[in-house]
C-alpha atoms as a PDB file:
ATOM      1  CA  MET A   1     256.799 254.305 110.811  1.00  0.00           C
ATOM      2  CA  ILE A   2     254.077 255.964 108.691  1.00  0.00           C
ATOM      3  CA  LYS A   3     254.782 258.874 106.402  1.00  0.00           C
ATOM      4  CA  ALA A   4     252.042 260.417 104.272  1.00  0.00           C
ATOM      5  CA  THR A   5     252.982 263.261 101.940  1.00  0.00           C
ATOM      6  CA  ASN A   6     250.727 265.664 100.028  1.00  0.00           C
ATOM      7  CA  ILE A   7     247.644 263.433 100.102  1.00  0.00           C
ATOM      8  CA  HIS A   8     244.813 264.661  97.882  1.00  0.00           C
ATOM      9  CA  LYS A   9     241.479 262.914  97.362  1.00  0.00           C
ATOM     10  CA  GLN A  10     238.639 264.007  95.116  1.00  0.00           C
ATOM     11  CA  TYR A  11     235.253 262.483  94.392  1.00  0.00           C
ATOM     12  CA  GLY A  12     234.137 264.257  91.239  1.00  0.00           C
ATOM     13  CA  ASP A  13     234.124 267.974  92.026  1.00  0.00           C
ATOM     14  CA  LEU A  14     234.357 267.357  95.782  1.00  0.00           C
ATOM     15  CA  HIS A  15     237.919 267.898  97.018  1.00  0.00           C
ATOM     16  CA  VAL A  16     237.916 265.943 100.313  1.00  0.00           C
ATOM     17  CA  LEU A  17     241.637 265.950 101.159  1.00  0.00           C
ATOM     18  CA  ARG A  18     243.747 268.947 100.232  1.00  0.00           C
ATOM     19  CA  GLY A  19     247.418 268.115 100.649  1.00  0.00           C
ATOM     20  CA  VAL A  20     247.680 266.207 103.936  1.00  0.00           C
ATOM     21  CA  ASP A  21     251.120 265.516 105.442  1.00  0.00           C
ATOM     22  CA  LEU A  22     251.429 263.181 108.424  1.00  0.00           C
ATOM     23  CA  GLN A  23     254.124 261.218 110.230  1.00  0.00           C
ATOM     24  CA  ILE A  24     253.511 258.620 112.958  1.00  0.00           C
ATOM     25  CA  LYS A  25     256.071 256.812 115.100  1.00  0.00           C
ATOM     26  CA  LYS A  26     255.906 253.195 116.221  1.00  0.00           C
ATOM     27  CA  GLY A  27     254.023 252.824 119.495  1.00  0.00           C
ATOM     28  CA  GLU A  28     252.159 256.122 119.165  1.00  0.00           C
ATOM     29  CA  VAL A  29     248.450 256.532 119.776  1.00  0.00           C
ATOM     30  CA  VAL A  30     247.308 259.339 117.477  1.00  0.00           C
ATOM     31  CA  SER A  31     243.730 260.630 117.401  1.00  0.00           C
ATOM     32  CA  ILE A  32     242.267 262.595 114.502  1.00  0.00           C
ATOM     33  CA  VAL A  33     239.287 264.781 115.344  1.00  0.00           C
ATOM     34  CA  GLY A  34     237.130 267.224 113.408  1.00  0.00           C
ATOM     35  CA  LYS A  35     233.610 267.904 112.234  1.00  0.00           C
ATOM     36  CA  SER A  36     231.703 265.426 110.093  1.00  0.00           C
ATOM     37  CA  GLY A  37     232.715 265.825 106.459  1.00  0.00           C
ATOM     38  CA  ALA A  38     236.167 267.204 107.290  1.00  0.00           C
ATOM     39  CA  GLY A  39     237.874 264.194 105.656  1.00  0.00           C
ATOM     40  CA  LYS A  40     238.921 262.167 108.721  1.00  0.00           C
ATOM     41  CA  SER A  41     237.603 258.775 107.623  1.00  0.00           C
ATOM     42  CA  THR A  42     238.777 259.324 104.050  1.00  0.00           C
ATOM     43  CA  LEU A  43     242.299 259.930 105.338  1.00  0.00           C
ATOM     44  CA  LEU A  44     242.117 256.855 107.590  1.00  0.00           C
ATOM     45  CA  HIS A  45     240.940 254.676 104.703  1.00  0.00           C
ATOM     46  CA  ILE A  46     243.802 255.894 102.511  1.00  0.00           C
ATOM     47  CA  LEU A  47     246.408 255.330 105.243  1.00  0.00           C
ATOM     48  CA  GLY A  48     244.935 251.843 105.685  1.00  0.00           C
ATOM     49  CA  THR A  49     244.951 251.175 101.907  1.00  0.00           C
ATOM     50  CA  ILE A  50     241.160 250.665 101.754  1.00  0.00           C
ATOM     51  CA  ASP A  51     241.051 253.668  99.406  1.00  0.00           C
ATOM     52  CA  SER A  52     243.752 255.272  97.279  1.00  0.00           C
ATOM     53  CA  PRO A  53     244.725 258.942  96.882  1.00  0.00           C
ATOM     54  CA  ASN A  54     244.485 260.932  93.671  1.00  0.00           C
ATOM     55  CA  GLU A  55     247.862 262.409  94.527  1.00  0.00           C
ATOM     56  CA  GLY A  56     250.541 261.855  97.154  1.00  0.00           C
ATOM     57  CA  THR A  57     252.436 258.963  98.733  1.00  0.00           C
ATOM     58  CA  VAL A  58     252.057 256.779 101.812  1.00  0.00           C
ATOM     59  CA  TRP A  59     255.011 254.865 103.207  1.00  0.00           C
ATOM     60  CA  LEU A  60     254.649 252.185 105.867  1.00  0.00           C
ATOM     61  CA  ASN A  61     258.173 251.576 107.120  1.00  0.00           C
ATOM     62  CA  GLU A  62     260.170 250.929 103.943  1.00  0.00           C
ATOM     63  CA  THR A  63     257.223 250.262 101.626  1.00  0.00           C
ATOM     64  CA  ASP A  64     255.649 252.790  99.254  1.00  0.00           C
ATOM     65  CA  ILE A  65     252.313 251.029  99.584  1.00  0.00           C
ATOM     66  CA  PHE A  66     250.448 252.431  96.580  1.00  0.00           C
ATOM     67  CA  LYS A  67     253.158 251.201  94.227  1.00  0.00           C
ATOM     68  CA  LEU A  68     252.122 247.634  95.062  1.00  0.00           C
ATOM     69  CA  LYS A  69     249.901 245.827  92.569  1.00  0.00           C
ATOM     70  CA  THR A  70     246.354 244.978  93.665  1.00  0.00           C
ATOM     71  CA  ASN A  71     246.977 241.415  94.864  1.00  0.00           C
ATOM     72  CA  LYS A  72     250.258 242.368  96.571  1.00  0.00           C
ATOM     73  CA  LEU A  73     248.523 245.318  98.246  1.00  0.00           C
ATOM     74  CA  ALA A  74     245.756 243.079  99.582  1.00  0.00           C
ATOM     75  CA  ALA A  75     248.317 240.648 100.988  1.00  0.00           C
ATOM     76  CA  TYR A  76     250.312 243.509 102.493  1.00  0.00           C
ATOM     77  CA  ARG A  77     247.170 244.928 104.129  1.00  0.00           C
ATOM     78  CA  ASN A  78     246.293 241.554 105.625  1.00  0.00           C
ATOM     79  CA  GLU A  79     249.784 241.060 107.051  1.00  0.00           C
ATOM     80  CA  HIS A  80     250.698 244.535 108.271  1.00  0.00           C
ATOM     81  CA  ILE A  81     247.479 246.467 108.989  1.00  0.00           C
ATOM     82  CA  GLY A  82     244.586 245.931 111.399  1.00  0.00           C
ATOM     83  CA  PHE A  83     241.189 247.646 111.396  1.00  0.00           C
ATOM     84  CA  VAL A  84     238.549 248.364 114.023  1.00  0.00           C
ATOM     85  CA  PHE A  85     235.287 249.968 112.902  1.00  0.00           C
ATOM     86  CA  GLN A  86     232.363 251.552 114.717  1.00  0.00           C
ATOM     87  CA  PHE A  87     229.914 248.740 113.951  1.00  0.00           C
ATOM     88  CA  HIS A  88     232.262 245.770 114.555  1.00  0.00           C
ATOM     89  CA  HIS A  89     231.529 244.050 111.192  1.00  0.00           C
ATOM     90  CA  LEU A  90     231.615 240.633 112.823  1.00  0.00           C
ATOM     91  CA  LEU A  91     230.154 237.801 110.745  1.00  0.00           C
ATOM     92  CA  PRO A  92     226.948 236.762 112.546  1.00  0.00           C
ATOM     93  CA  GLU A  93     227.068 233.077 111.631  1.00  0.00           C
ATOM     94  CA  PHE A  94     230.527 232.565 113.175  1.00  0.00           C
ATOM     95  CA  THR A  95     231.641 232.352 116.812  1.00  0.00           C
ATOM     96  CA  ALA A  96     233.932 234.880 118.458  1.00  0.00           C
ATOM     97  CA  LEU A  97     236.884 232.531 117.957  1.00  0.00           C
ATOM     98  CA  GLU A  98     236.055 231.947 114.296  1.00  0.00           C
ATOM     99  CA  ASN A  99     235.661 235.688 113.641  1.00  0.00           C
ATOM    100  CA  VAL A 100     239.086 236.397 115.121  1.00  0.00           C
ATOM    101  CA  CYS A 101     240.687 233.618 113.052  1.00  0.00           C
ATOM    102  CA  ILE A 102     239.443 234.911 109.681  1.00  0.00           C
ATOM    103  CA  PRO A 103     242.337 237.314 108.865  1.00  0.00           C
ATOM    104  CA  ALA A 104     244.829 234.595 109.813  1.00  0.00           C
ATOM    105  CA  PHE A 105     243.093 232.119 107.494  1.00  0.00           C
ATOM    106  CA  ILE A 106     243.129 234.719 104.698  1.00  0.00           C
ATOM    107  CA  GLY A 107     246.863 235.089 105.362  1.00  0.00           C
ATOM    108  CA  LYS A 108     247.230 231.305 104.894  1.00  0.00           C
ATOM    109  CA  LYS A 109     248.175 230.630 108.519  1.00  0.00           C
ATOM    110  CA  SER A 110     247.536 227.090 109.701  1.00  0.00           C
ATOM    111  CA  PRO A 111     244.281 226.447 111.588  1.00  0.00           C
ATOM    112  CA  ALA A 112     246.271 225.362 114.656  1.00  0.00           C
ATOM    113  CA  TYR A 113     248.303 228.589 114.684  1.00  0.00           C
ATOM    114  CA  ALA A 114     245.265 230.787 113.994  1.00  0.00           C
ATOM    115  CA  GLU A 115     243.162 229.245 116.750  1.00  0.00           C
ATOM    116  CA  LYS A 116     246.015 229.362 119.294  1.00  0.00           C
ATOM    117  CA  LYS A 117     246.696 233.029 118.550  1.00  0.00           C
ATOM    118  CA  ALA A 118     242.978 233.897 118.585  1.00  0.00           C
ATOM    119  CA  MET A 119     242.466 232.167 121.927  1.00  0.00           C
ATOM    120  CA  GLU A 120     245.472 233.982 123.427  1.00  0.00           C
ATOM    121  CA  LEU A 121     244.067 237.332 122.322  1.00  0.00           C
ATOM    122  CA  LEU A 122     240.535 236.616 123.495  1.00  0.00           C
ATOM    123  CA  ASP A 123     241.909 235.517 126.862  1.00  0.00           C
ATOM    124  CA  TYR A 124     244.012 238.706 127.091  1.00  0.00           C
ATOM    125  CA  LEU A 125     240.886 240.738 126.329  1.00  0.00           C
ATOM    126  CA  GLY A 126     238.863 238.994 129.027  1.00  0.00           C
ATOM    127  CA  LEU A 127     236.748 236.899 126.663  1.00  0.00           C
ATOM    128  CA  ALA A 128     238.068 233.404 127.316  1.00  0.00           C
ATOM    129  CA  ASP A 129     234.603 232.261 128.404  1.00  0.00           C
ATOM    130  CA  ARG A 130     232.922 233.730 125.307  1.00  0.00           C
ATOM    131  CA  ILE A 131     234.879 232.106 122.483  1.00  0.00           C
ATOM    132  CA  THR A 132     232.002 229.859 121.349  1.00  0.00           C
ATOM    133  CA  HIS A 133     229.415 232.668 121.461  1.00  0.00           C
ATOM    134  CA  LYS A 134     228.133 234.238 118.262  1.00  0.00           C
ATOM    135  CA  PRO A 135     227.946 238.047 117.969  1.00  0.00           C
ATOM    136  CA  SER A 136     224.225 238.138 118.804  1.00  0.00           C
ATOM    137  CA  GLN A 137     225.062 236.542 122.155  1.00  0.00           C
ATOM    138  CA  LEU A 138     227.634 239.212 123.048  1.00  0.00           C
ATOM    139  CA  SER A 139     227.210 242.720 124.421  1.00  0.00           C
ATOM    140  CA  GLY A 140     228.294 245.705 122.334  1.00  0.00           C
ATOM    141  CA  GLY A 141     231.478 246.053 124.354  1.00  0.00           C
ATOM    142  CA  GLU A 142     232.265 242.359 123.978  1.00  0.00           C
ATOM    143  CA  GLN A 143     231.681 242.507 120.230  1.00  0.00           C
ATOM    144  CA  GLN A 144     234.089 245.408 119.936  1.00  0.00           C
ATOM    145  CA  ARG A 145     236.741 243.528 121.932  1.00  0.00           C
ATOM    146  CA  VAL A 146     236.323 240.592 119.537  1.00  0.00           C
ATOM    147  CA  ALA A 147     236.835 243.093 116.685  1.00  0.00           C
ATOM    148  CA  VAL A 148     240.026 244.327 118.395  1.00  0.00           C
ATOM    149  CA  ALA A 149     241.282 240.733 118.696  1.00  0.00           C
ATOM    150  CA  ARG A 150     240.530 240.172 115.011  1.00  0.00           C
ATOM    151  CA  ALA A 151     242.520 243.318 114.155  1.00  0.00           C
ATOM    152  CA  LEU A 152     245.508 242.035 116.130  1.00  0.00           C
ATOM    153  CA  VAL A 153     245.573 238.360 115.107  1.00  0.00           C
ATOM    154  CA  ASN A 154     248.192 238.841 112.357  1.00  0.00           C
ATOM    155  CA  ASN A 155     250.456 240.996 114.574  1.00  0.00           C
ATOM    156  CA  PRO A 156     249.946 244.150 112.472  1.00  0.00           C
ATOM    157  CA  GLU A 157     252.352 247.050 112.584  1.00  0.00           C
ATOM    158  CA  VAL A 158     249.486 249.526 112.965  1.00  0.00           C
ATOM    159  CA  VAL A 159     245.795 249.416 113.850  1.00  0.00           C
ATOM    160  CA  PHE A 160     243.457 251.953 112.248  1.00  0.00           C
ATOM    161  CA  ALA A 161     240.260 252.577 114.216  1.00  0.00           C
ATOM    162  CA  ASP A 162     237.294 254.520 112.822  1.00  0.00           C
ATOM    163  CA  GLU A 163     235.041 255.748 115.663  1.00  0.00           C
ATOM    164  CA  PRO A 164     235.768 252.569 117.673  1.00  0.00           C
ATOM    165  CA  SER A 165     233.685 253.662 120.663  1.00  0.00           C
ATOM    166  CA  GLY A 166     231.003 255.484 118.668  1.00  0.00           C
ATOM    167  CA  ASN A 167     228.438 252.718 119.094  1.00  0.00           C
ATOM    168  CA  LEU A 168     229.192 251.895 122.747  1.00  0.00           C
ATOM    169  CA  ASP A 169     227.726 253.085 126.030  1.00  0.00           C
ATOM    170  CA  SER A 170     229.915 255.206 128.312  1.00  0.00           C
ATOM    171  CA  ALA A 171     231.153 252.278 130.451  1.00  0.00           C
ATOM    172  CA  SER A 172     232.084 250.160 127.419  1.00  0.00           C
ATOM    173  CA  SER A 173     233.723 253.193 125.779  1.00  0.00           C
ATOM    174  CA  LYS A 174     235.907 253.746 128.827  1.00  0.00           C
ATOM    175  CA  GLU A 175     236.916 250.069 128.848  1.00  0.00           C
ATOM    176  CA  LEU A 176     237.844 250.221 125.162  1.00  0.00           C
ATOM    177  CA  HIS A 177     239.885 253.388 125.622  1.00  0.00           C
ATOM    178  CA  GLN A 178     241.814 251.812 128.499  1.00  0.00           C
ATOM    179  CA  LEU A 179     242.364 248.698 126.386  1.00  0.00           C
ATOM    180  CA  ILE A 180     243.919 250.702 123.549  1.00  0.00           C
ATOM    181  CA  PHE A 181     246.547 252.156 125.871  1.00  0.00           C
ATOM    182  CA  ARG A 182     247.155 248.794 127.561  1.00  0.00           C
ATOM    183  CA  LEU A 183     247.855 247.273 124.126  1.00  0.00           C
ATOM    184  CA  ARG A 184     250.253 250.100 123.356  1.00  0.00           C
ATOM    185  CA  ASP A 185     252.058 249.650 126.675  1.00  0.00           C
ATOM    186  CA  ASP A 186     252.164 245.823 126.583  1.00  0.00           C
ATOM    187  CA  PHE A 187     252.880 245.279 122.874  1.00  0.00           C
ATOM    188  CA  ASP A 188     254.174 248.663 121.598  1.00  0.00           C
ATOM    189  CA  GLN A 189     251.147 248.657 119.296  1.00  0.00           C
ATOM    190  CA  THR A 190     250.570 251.713 117.099  1.00  0.00           C
ATOM    191  CA  PHE A 191     247.038 253.140 116.813  1.00  0.00           C
ATOM    192  CA  VAL A 192     245.612 255.802 114.506  1.00  0.00           C
ATOM    193  CA  ILE A 193     242.078 256.647 115.625  1.00  0.00           C
ATOM    194  CA  VAL A 194     239.371 258.790 114.076  1.00  0.00           C
ATOM    195  CA  THR A 195     237.053 259.828 116.871  1.00  0.00           C
ATOM    196  CA  HIS A 196     234.470 262.326 118.039  1.00  0.00           C
ATOM    197  CA  ASN A 197     235.214 261.284 121.635  1.00  0.00           C
ATOM    198  CA  GLU A 198     237.179 264.158 123.094  1.00  0.00           C
ATOM    199  CA  GLU A 199     238.165 262.150 126.185  1.00  0.00           C
ATOM    200  CA  LEU A 200     239.901 259.564 123.999  1.00  0.00           C
ATOM    201  CA  ALA A 201     241.504 262.284 121.884  1.00  0.00           C
ATOM    202  CA  GLN A 202     242.916 264.021 124.960  1.00  0.00           C
ATOM    203  CA  MET A 203     244.315 260.714 126.287  1.00  0.00           C
ATOM    204  CA  SER A 204     246.234 260.134 123.054  1.00  0.00           C
ATOM    205  CA  ASP A 205     249.893 260.920 122.517  1.00  0.00           C
ATOM    206  CA  ARG A 206     248.849 263.368 119.825  1.00  0.00           C
ATOM    207  CA  ARG A 207     245.527 264.955 118.963  1.00  0.00           C
ATOM    208  CA  LEU A 208     245.305 266.159 115.361  1.00  0.00           C
ATOM    209  CA  GLU A 209     242.396 268.220 114.083  1.00  0.00           C
ATOM    210  CA  MET A 210     241.153 268.048 110.508  1.00  0.00           C
ATOM    211  CA  VAL A 211     239.439 271.086 109.028  1.00  0.00           C
ATOM    212  CA  ASP A 212     238.251 271.270 105.426  1.00  0.00           C
ATOM    213  CA  GLY A 213     240.508 268.486 104.237  1.00  0.00           C
ATOM    214  CA  ARG A 214     243.666 269.690 105.961  1.00  0.00           C
ATOM    215  CA  LEU A 215     245.340 268.630 109.200  1.00  0.00           C
ATOM    216  CA  LEU A 216     246.070 271.343 111.723  1.00  0.00           C
ATOM    217  CA  ALA A 217     249.143 271.149 113.955  1.00  0.00           C
ATOM    218  CA  ASP A 218     248.930 269.356 117.314  1.00  0.00           C
END
């Protein structure tokens, strides 16, 4: 489903990624671990098209994604890729339901469709009674579940998660980890996760370690 070949990334004289090759199948949960500064988040951002490589290719199914022009790439990202970040990035002035709807609105889905899909996801994630609450009225774990719903609202082919449990307490982290695998089992959802949480990494289908800009074998 995802094939990255010979990915290099430099920022000035700093060579962050040094020829990364990676393949991921549909329905896999793959964790990438490693020390801070090893290049994990940079790789995740390139796979998710938030950043671009200096060299190398990334294919998502049949699409060579970095050959798309800027506006086409943005539309492709919105339609095919979901993101979950450590600090949620929910918009504070909007309710949980409105936050989840935003990617669907960007993708020009109708308000009726977007709200129906968002409500289905929030109900699935145990937040049916929180849809009118703003982020400040939600716990950290609830905010992260809203962020997961937002990532899923456009039925993406893959969800990229950057330290998704890094800002949660141990109970909320465990809930989130269980949720990731429930989504994989129920919807055949693919996840690529950068994490320092070794428990989550060991639960994954594959645990990949990044050292000095290179991925080690499983």
